[in-house]
Amino acid sequence: SAGSTVYADSVKGRFTISRDDAKKTVY
């Protein structure tokens, strides 16, 4: 909820997770 992110080693540097709380959507 604070925006901290964790990635699997296999996707680090290639994938990015983000969120828009106003839209209740995660990308």
PDB file of all heavy atoms in Angstrom:
ATOM      1  N   SER A   1       0.828  -1.206   0.000  1.00  0.00           N
ATOM      2  CA  SER A   1       0.000   0.000   0.000  1.00  0.00           C
ATOM      3  C   SER A   1       0.866   1.262   0.000  1.00  0.00           C
ATOM      4  O   SER A   1       0.433   2.319  -0.469  1.00  0.00           O
ATOM      5  CB  SER A   1      -0.930  -0.005   1.215  1.00  0.00           C
ATOM      6  OG  SER A   1      -0.181  -0.092   2.421  1.00  0.00           O
ATOM      7  N   ALA A   2       2.095   1.133   0.491  1.00  0.00           N
ATOM      8  CA  ALA A   2       3.011   2.274   0.519  1.00  0.00           C
ATOM      9  C   ALA A   2       3.790   2.424  -0.778  1.00  0.00           C
ATOM     10  O   ALA A   2       4.561   3.385  -0.936  1.00  0.00           O
ATOM     11  CB  ALA A   2       3.988   2.124   1.687  1.00  0.00           C
ATOM     12  N   GLY A   3       3.626   1.472  -1.678  1.00  0.00           N
ATOM     13  CA  GLY A   3       4.299   1.554  -2.964  1.00  0.00           C
ATOM     14  C   GLY A   3       5.619   0.811  -3.055  1.00  0.00           C
ATOM     15  O   GLY A   3       6.286   0.858  -4.093  1.00  0.00           O
ATOM     16  N   SER A   4       5.979   0.098  -2.001  1.00  0.00           N
ATOM     17  CA  SER A   4       7.198  -0.717  -2.073  1.00  0.00           C
ATOM     18  C   SER A   4       6.956  -1.916  -2.979  1.00  0.00           C
ATOM     19  O   SER A   4       5.860  -2.476  -2.976  1.00  0.00           O
ATOM     20  CB  SER A   4       7.601  -1.192  -0.681  1.00  0.00           C
ATOM     21  OG  SER A   4       7.904  -0.098   0.153  1.00  0.00           O
ATOM     22  N   THR A   5       7.988  -2.306  -3.712  1.00  0.00           N
ATOM     23  CA  THR A   5       7.838  -3.383  -4.689  1.00  0.00           C
ATOM     24  C   THR A   5       8.860  -4.486  -4.466  1.00  0.00           C
ATOM     25  O   THR A   5       9.977  -4.243  -3.981  1.00  0.00           O
ATOM     26  CB  THR A   5       7.981  -2.853  -6.116  1.00  0.00           C
ATOM     27  OG1 THR A   5       9.255  -2.210  -6.256  1.00  0.00           O
ATOM     28  CG2 THR A   5       6.885  -1.855  -6.451  1.00  0.00           C
ATOM     29  N   VAL A   6       8.456  -5.692  -4.826  1.00  0.00           N
ATOM     30  CA  VAL A   6       9.317  -6.863  -4.788  1.00  0.00           C
ATOM     31  C   VAL A   6       9.096  -7.645  -6.074  1.00  0.00           C
ATOM     32  O   VAL A   6       7.948  -7.780  -6.526  1.00  0.00           O
ATOM     33  CB  VAL A   6       9.007  -7.764  -3.573  1.00  0.00           C
ATOM     34  CG1 VAL A   6       9.892  -9.003  -3.580  1.00  0.00           C
ATOM     35  CG2 VAL A   6       9.185  -6.993  -2.269  1.00  0.00           C
ATOM     36  N   TYR A   7      10.187  -8.157  -6.653  1.00  0.00           N
ATOM     37  CA  TYR A   7      10.093  -8.890  -7.915  1.00  0.00           C
ATOM     38  C   TYR A   7      10.788 -10.243  -7.803  1.00  0.00           C
ATOM     39  O   TYR A   7      11.777 -10.392  -7.084  1.00  0.00           O
ATOM     40  CB  TYR A   7      10.757  -8.103  -9.048  1.00  0.00           C
ATOM     41  CG  TYR A   7      10.085  -6.789  -9.341  1.00  0.00           C
ATOM     42  CD1 TYR A   7      10.542  -5.616  -8.770  1.00  0.00           C
ATOM     43  CD2 TYR A   7       8.989  -6.725 -10.197  1.00  0.00           C
ATOM     44  CE1 TYR A   7       9.926  -4.394  -9.020  1.00  0.00           C
ATOM     45  CE2 TYR A   7       8.365  -5.518 -10.467  1.00  0.00           C
ATOM     46  CZ  TYR A   7       8.843  -4.360  -9.878  1.00  0.00           C
ATOM     47  OH  TYR A   7       8.225  -3.156 -10.140  1.00  0.00           O
ATOM     48  N   ALA A   8      10.284 -11.199  -8.552  1.00  0.00           N
ATOM     49  CA  ALA A   8      10.999 -12.453  -8.709  1.00  0.00           C
ATOM     50  C   ALA A   8      12.291 -12.182  -9.468  1.00  0.00           C
ATOM     51  O   ALA A   8      12.340 -11.290 -10.328  1.00  0.00           O
ATOM     52  CB  ALA A   8      10.145 -13.453  -9.481  1.00  0.00           C
ATOM     53  N   ASP A   9      13.331 -12.932  -9.149  1.00  0.00           N
ATOM     54  CA  ASP A   9      14.621 -12.723  -9.813  1.00  0.00           C
ATOM     55  C   ASP A   9      14.510 -12.834 -11.331  1.00  0.00           C
ATOM     56  O   ASP A   9      15.198 -12.133 -12.072  1.00  0.00           O
ATOM     57  CB  ASP A   9      15.646 -13.738  -9.294  1.00  0.00           C
ATOM     58  CG  ASP A   9      16.105 -13.428  -7.879  1.00  0.00           C
ATOM     59  OD1 ASP A   9      15.890 -12.298  -7.410  1.00  0.00           O
ATOM     60  OD2 ASP A   9      16.678 -14.331  -7.242  1.00  0.00           O
ATOM     61  N   SER A  10      13.623 -13.705 -11.784  1.00  0.00           N
ATOM     62  CA  SER A  10      13.505 -13.973 -13.218  1.00  0.00           C
ATOM     63  C   SER A  10      12.943 -12.792 -14.006  1.00  0.00           C
ATOM     64  O   SER A  10      13.068 -12.760 -15.233  1.00  0.00           O
ATOM     65  CB  SER A  10      12.637 -15.202 -13.452  1.00  0.00           C
ATOM     66  OG  SER A  10      11.351 -15.027 -12.887  1.00  0.00           O
ATOM     67  N   VAL A  11      12.326 -11.834 -13.325  1.00  0.00           N
ATOM     68  CA  VAL A  11      11.712 -10.713 -14.045  1.00  0.00           C
ATOM     69  C   VAL A  11      12.310  -9.360 -13.665  1.00  0.00           C
ATOM     70  O   VAL A  11      11.934  -8.334 -14.239  1.00  0.00           O
ATOM     71  CB  VAL A  11      10.184 -10.671 -13.829  1.00  0.00           C
ATOM     72  CG1 VAL A  11       9.559 -12.019 -14.187  1.00  0.00           C
ATOM     73  CG2 VAL A  11       9.819 -10.258 -12.417  1.00  0.00           C
ATOM     74  N   LYS A  12      13.227  -9.353 -12.722  1.00  0.00           N
ATOM     75  CA  LYS A  12      13.837  -8.087 -12.301  1.00  0.00           C
ATOM     76  C   LYS A  12      14.470  -7.361 -13.478  1.00  0.00           C
ATOM     77  O   LYS A  12      15.163  -7.965 -14.291  1.00  0.00           O
ATOM     78  CB  LYS A  12      14.904  -8.351 -11.232  1.00  0.00           C
ATOM     79  CG  LYS A  12      14.350  -8.565  -9.847  1.00  0.00           C
ATOM     80  CD  LYS A  12      15.472  -8.791  -8.839  1.00  0.00           C
ATOM     81  CE  LYS A  12      14.914  -9.052  -7.449  1.00  0.00           C
ATOM     82  NZ  LYS A  12      15.988  -9.365  -6.473  1.00  0.00           N
ATOM     83  N   GLY A  13      14.203  -6.079 -13.555  1.00  0.00           N
ATOM     84  CA  GLY A  13      14.754  -5.269 -14.629  1.00  0.00           C
ATOM     85  C   GLY A  13      13.933  -5.294 -15.906  1.00  0.00           C
ATOM     86  O   GLY A  13      14.188  -4.509 -16.822  1.00  0.00           O
ATOM     87  N   ARG A  14      12.959  -6.201 -15.969  1.00  0.00           N
ATOM     88  CA  ARG A  14      12.110  -6.302 -17.174  1.00  0.00           C
ATOM     89  C   ARG A  14      10.654  -5.954 -16.885  1.00  0.00           C
ATOM     90  O   ARG A  14       9.965  -5.402 -17.741  1.00  0.00           O
ATOM     91  CB  ARG A  14      12.189  -7.711 -17.751  1.00  0.00           C
ATOM     92  CG  ARG A  14      13.582  -8.145 -18.164  1.00  0.00           C
ATOM     93  CD  ARG A  14      13.552  -9.477 -18.912  1.00  0.00           C
ATOM     94  NE  ARG A  14      13.047 -10.574 -18.081  1.00  0.00           N
ATOM     95  CZ  ARG A  14      11.986 -11.312 -18.413  1.00  0.00           C
ATOM     96  NH1 ARG A  14      11.316 -11.090 -19.530  1.00  0.00           N
ATOM     97  NH2 ARG A  14      11.596 -12.304 -17.615  1.00  0.00           N
ATOM     98  N   PHE A  15      10.182  -6.322 -15.708  1.00  0.00           N
ATOM     99  CA  PHE A  15       8.785  -6.089 -15.338  1.00  0.00           C
ATOM    100  C   PHE A  15       8.700  -4.969 -14.308  1.00  0.00           C
ATOM    101  O   PHE A  15       9.585  -4.818 -13.456  1.00  0.00           O
ATOM    102  CB  PHE A  15       8.167  -7.344 -14.729  1.00  0.00           C
ATOM    103  CG  PHE A  15       7.946  -8.487 -15.682  1.00  0.00           C
ATOM    104  CD1 PHE A  15       8.459  -8.487 -16.961  1.00  0.00           C
ATOM    105  CD2 PHE A  15       7.191  -9.586 -15.277  1.00  0.00           C
ATOM    106  CE1 PHE A  15       8.246  -9.552 -17.827  1.00  0.00           C
ATOM    107  CE2 PHE A  15       6.958 -10.649 -16.125  1.00  0.00           C
ATOM    108  CZ  PHE A  15       7.506 -10.635 -17.404  1.00  0.00           C
ATOM    109  N   THR A  16       7.610  -4.219 -14.370  1.00  0.00           N
ATOM    110  CA  THR A  16       7.356  -3.155 -13.387  1.00  0.00           C
ATOM    111  C   THR A  16       5.907  -3.227 -12.926  1.00  0.00           C
ATOM    112  O   THR A  16       4.995  -3.186 -13.755  1.00  0.00           O
ATOM    113  CB  THR A  16       7.628  -1.775 -13.980  1.00  0.00           C
ATOM    114  OG1 THR A  16       8.977  -1.702 -14.457  1.00  0.00           O
ATOM    115  CG2 THR A  16       7.421  -0.693 -12.931  1.00  0.00           C
ATOM    116  N   ILE A  17       5.720  -3.319 -11.626  1.00  0.00           N
ATOM    117  CA  ILE A  17       4.377  -3.308 -11.056  1.00  0.00           C
ATOM    118  C   ILE A  17       4.081  -1.896 -10.556  1.00  0.00           C
ATOM    119  O   ILE A  17       4.970  -1.217 -10.022  1.00  0.00           O
ATOM    120  CB  ILE A  17       4.228  -4.351  -9.919  1.00  0.00           C
ATOM    121  CG1 ILE A  17       2.774  -4.463  -9.464  1.00  0.00           C
ATOM    122  CG2 ILE A  17       5.165  -4.042  -8.760  1.00  0.00           C
ATOM    123  CD1 ILE A  17       2.524  -5.618  -8.500  1.00  0.00           C
ATOM    124  N   SER A  18       2.851  -1.459 -10.767  1.00  0.00           N
ATOM    125  CA  SER A  18       2.446  -0.141 -10.289  1.00  0.00           C
ATOM    126  C   SER A  18       0.970  -0.195  -9.913  1.00  0.00           C
ATOM    127  O   SER A  18       0.268  -1.169 -10.230  1.00  0.00           O
ATOM    128  CB  SER A  18       2.710   0.928 -11.356  1.00  0.00           C
ATOM    129  OG  SER A  18       1.971   0.665 -12.534  1.00  0.00           O
ATOM    130  N   ARG A  19       0.513   0.865  -9.273  1.00  0.00           N
ATOM    131  CA  ARG A  19      -0.882   0.888  -8.855  1.00  0.00           C
ATOM    132  C   ARG A  19      -1.439   2.293  -8.969  1.00  0.00           C
ATOM    133  O   ARG A  19      -0.709   3.283  -8.855  1.00  0.00           O
ATOM    134  CB  ARG A  19      -1.011   0.369  -7.417  1.00  0.00           C
ATOM    135  CG  ARG A  19      -0.271   1.204  -6.391  1.00  0.00           C
ATOM    136  CD  ARG A  19      -0.223   0.493  -5.034  1.00  0.00           C
ATOM    137  NE  ARG A  19      -1.558   0.345  -4.457  1.00  0.00           N
ATOM    138  CZ  ARG A  19      -1.872  -0.600  -3.573  1.00  0.00           C
ATOM    139  NH1 ARG A  19      -0.959  -1.463  -3.160  1.00  0.00           N
ATOM    140  NH2 ARG A  19      -3.096  -0.653  -3.082  1.00  0.00           N
ATOM    141  N   ASP A  20      -2.748   2.349  -9.182  1.00  0.00           N
ATOM    142  CA  ASP A  20      -3.478   3.612  -9.196  1.00  0.00           C
ATOM    143  C   ASP A  20      -4.628   3.444  -8.214  1.00  0.00           C
ATOM    144  O   ASP A  20      -5.640   2.816  -8.543  1.00  0.00           O
ATOM    145  CB  ASP A  20      -3.982   3.912 -10.607  1.00  0.00           C
ATOM    146  CG  ASP A  20      -4.651   5.282 -10.713  1.00  0.00           C
ATOM    147  OD1 ASP A  20      -5.205   5.770  -9.701  1.00  0.00           O
ATOM    148  OD2 ASP A  20      -4.650   5.850 -11.810  1.00  0.00           O
ATOM    149  N   ASP A  21      -4.461   3.977  -7.020  1.00  0.00           N
ATOM    150  CA  ASP A  21      -5.460   3.764  -5.980  1.00  0.00           C
ATOM    151  C   ASP A  21      -6.790   4.434  -6.320  1.00  0.00           C
ATOM    152  O   ASP A  21      -7.857   3.944  -5.935  1.00  0.00           O
ATOM    153  CB  ASP A  21      -4.941   4.281  -4.637  1.00  0.00           C
ATOM    154  CG  ASP A  21      -3.846   3.395  -4.062  1.00  0.00           C
ATOM    155  OD1 ASP A  21      -3.623   2.285  -4.596  1.00  0.00           O
ATOM    156  OD2 ASP A  21      -3.205   3.796  -3.075  1.00  0.00           O
ATOM    157  N   ALA A  22      -6.749   5.534  -7.026  1.00  0.00           N
ATOM    158  CA  ALA A  22      -7.991   6.215  -7.407  1.00  0.00           C
ATOM    159  C   ALA A  22      -8.820   5.352  -8.344  1.00  0.00           C
ATOM    160  O   ALA A  22     -10.050   5.368  -8.297  1.00  0.00           O
ATOM    161  CB  ALA A  22      -7.674   7.556  -8.057  1.00  0.00           C
ATOM    162  N   LYS A  23      -8.149   4.584  -9.198  1.00  0.00           N
ATOM    163  CA  LYS A  23      -8.842   3.709 -10.144  1.00  0.00           C
ATOM    164  C   LYS A  23      -8.977   2.289  -9.615  1.00  0.00           C
ATOM    165  O   LYS A  23      -9.550   1.433 -10.295  1.00  0.00           O
ATOM    166  CB  LYS A  23      -8.100   3.695 -11.477  1.00  0.00           C
ATOM    167  CG  LYS A  23      -8.095   5.029 -12.209  1.00  0.00           C
ATOM    168  CD  LYS A  23      -7.383   4.912 -13.546  1.00  0.00           C
ATOM    169  CE  LYS A  23      -7.427   6.242 -14.286  1.00  0.00           C
ATOM    170  NZ  LYS A  23      -6.727   6.170 -15.599  1.00  0.00           N
ATOM    171  N   LYS A  24      -8.419   2.016  -8.433  1.00  0.00           N
ATOM    172  CA  LYS A  24      -8.439   0.663  -7.867  1.00  0.00           C
ATOM    173  C   LYS A  24      -7.896  -0.341  -8.878  1.00  0.00           C
ATOM    174  O   LYS A  24      -8.490  -1.405  -9.117  1.00  0.00           O
ATOM    175  CB  LYS A  24      -9.844   0.274  -7.409  1.00  0.00           C
ATOM    176  CG  LYS A  24     -10.372   1.109  -6.263  1.00  0.00           C
ATOM    177  CD  LYS A  24     -11.692   0.557  -5.733  1.00  0.00           C
ATOM    178  CE  LYS A  24     -12.174   1.346  -4.527  1.00  0.00           C
ATOM    179  NZ  LYS A  24     -13.440   0.805  -3.973  1.00  0.00           N
ATOM    180  N   THR A  25      -6.783  -0.003  -9.456  1.00  0.00           N
ATOM    181  CA  THR A  25      -6.200  -0.815 -10.511  1.00  0.00           C
ATOM    182  C   THR A  25      -4.713  -1.013 -10.253  1.00  0.00           C
ATOM    183  O   THR A  25      -4.019  -0.076  -9.842  1.00  0.00           O
ATOM    184  CB  THR A  25      -6.415  -0.164 -11.891  1.00  0.00           C
ATOM    185  OG1 THR A  25      -7.820  -0.014 -12.120  1.00  0.00           O
ATOM    186  CG2 THR A  25      -5.814  -1.015 -13.000  1.00  0.00           C
ATOM    187  N   VAL A  26      -4.252  -2.223 -10.500  1.00  0.00           N
ATOM    188  CA  VAL A  26      -2.827  -2.519 -10.434  1.00  0.00           C
ATOM    189  C   VAL A  26      -2.368  -2.970 -11.820  1.00  0.00           C
ATOM    190  O   VAL A  26      -3.136  -3.612 -12.557  1.00  0.00           O
ATOM    191  CB  VAL A  26      -2.526  -3.592  -9.355  1.00  0.00           C
ATOM    192  CG1 VAL A  26      -3.213  -4.908  -9.654  1.00  0.00           C
ATOM    193  CG2 VAL A  26      -1.030  -3.797  -9.180  1.00  0.00           C
ATOM    194  N   TYR A  27      -1.154  -2.603 -12.176  1.00  0.00           N
ATOM    195  CA  TYR A  27      -0.634  -2.857 -13.514  1.00  0.00           C
ATOM    196  C   TYR A  27       0.646  -3.701 -13.438  1.00  0.00           C
ATOM    197  O   TYR A  27       1.353  -3.697 -12.437  1.00  0.00           O
ATOM    198  CB  TYR A  27      -0.307  -1.543 -14.213  1.00  0.00           C
ATOM    199  CG  TYR A  27      -1.450  -0.578 -14.292  1.00  0.00           C
ATOM    200  CD1 TYR A  27      -1.582   0.454 -13.363  1.00  0.00           C
ATOM    201  CD2 TYR A  27      -2.410  -0.680 -15.296  1.00  0.00           C
ATOM    202  CE1 TYR A  27      -2.640   1.348 -13.421  1.00  0.00           C
ATOM    203  CE2 TYR A  27      -3.467   0.215 -15.369  1.00  0.00           C
ATOM    204  CZ  TYR A  27      -3.573   1.222 -14.437  1.00  0.00           C
ATOM    205  OH  TYR A  27      -4.630   2.100 -14.507  1.00  0.00           O
TER     206      TYR A  27
END
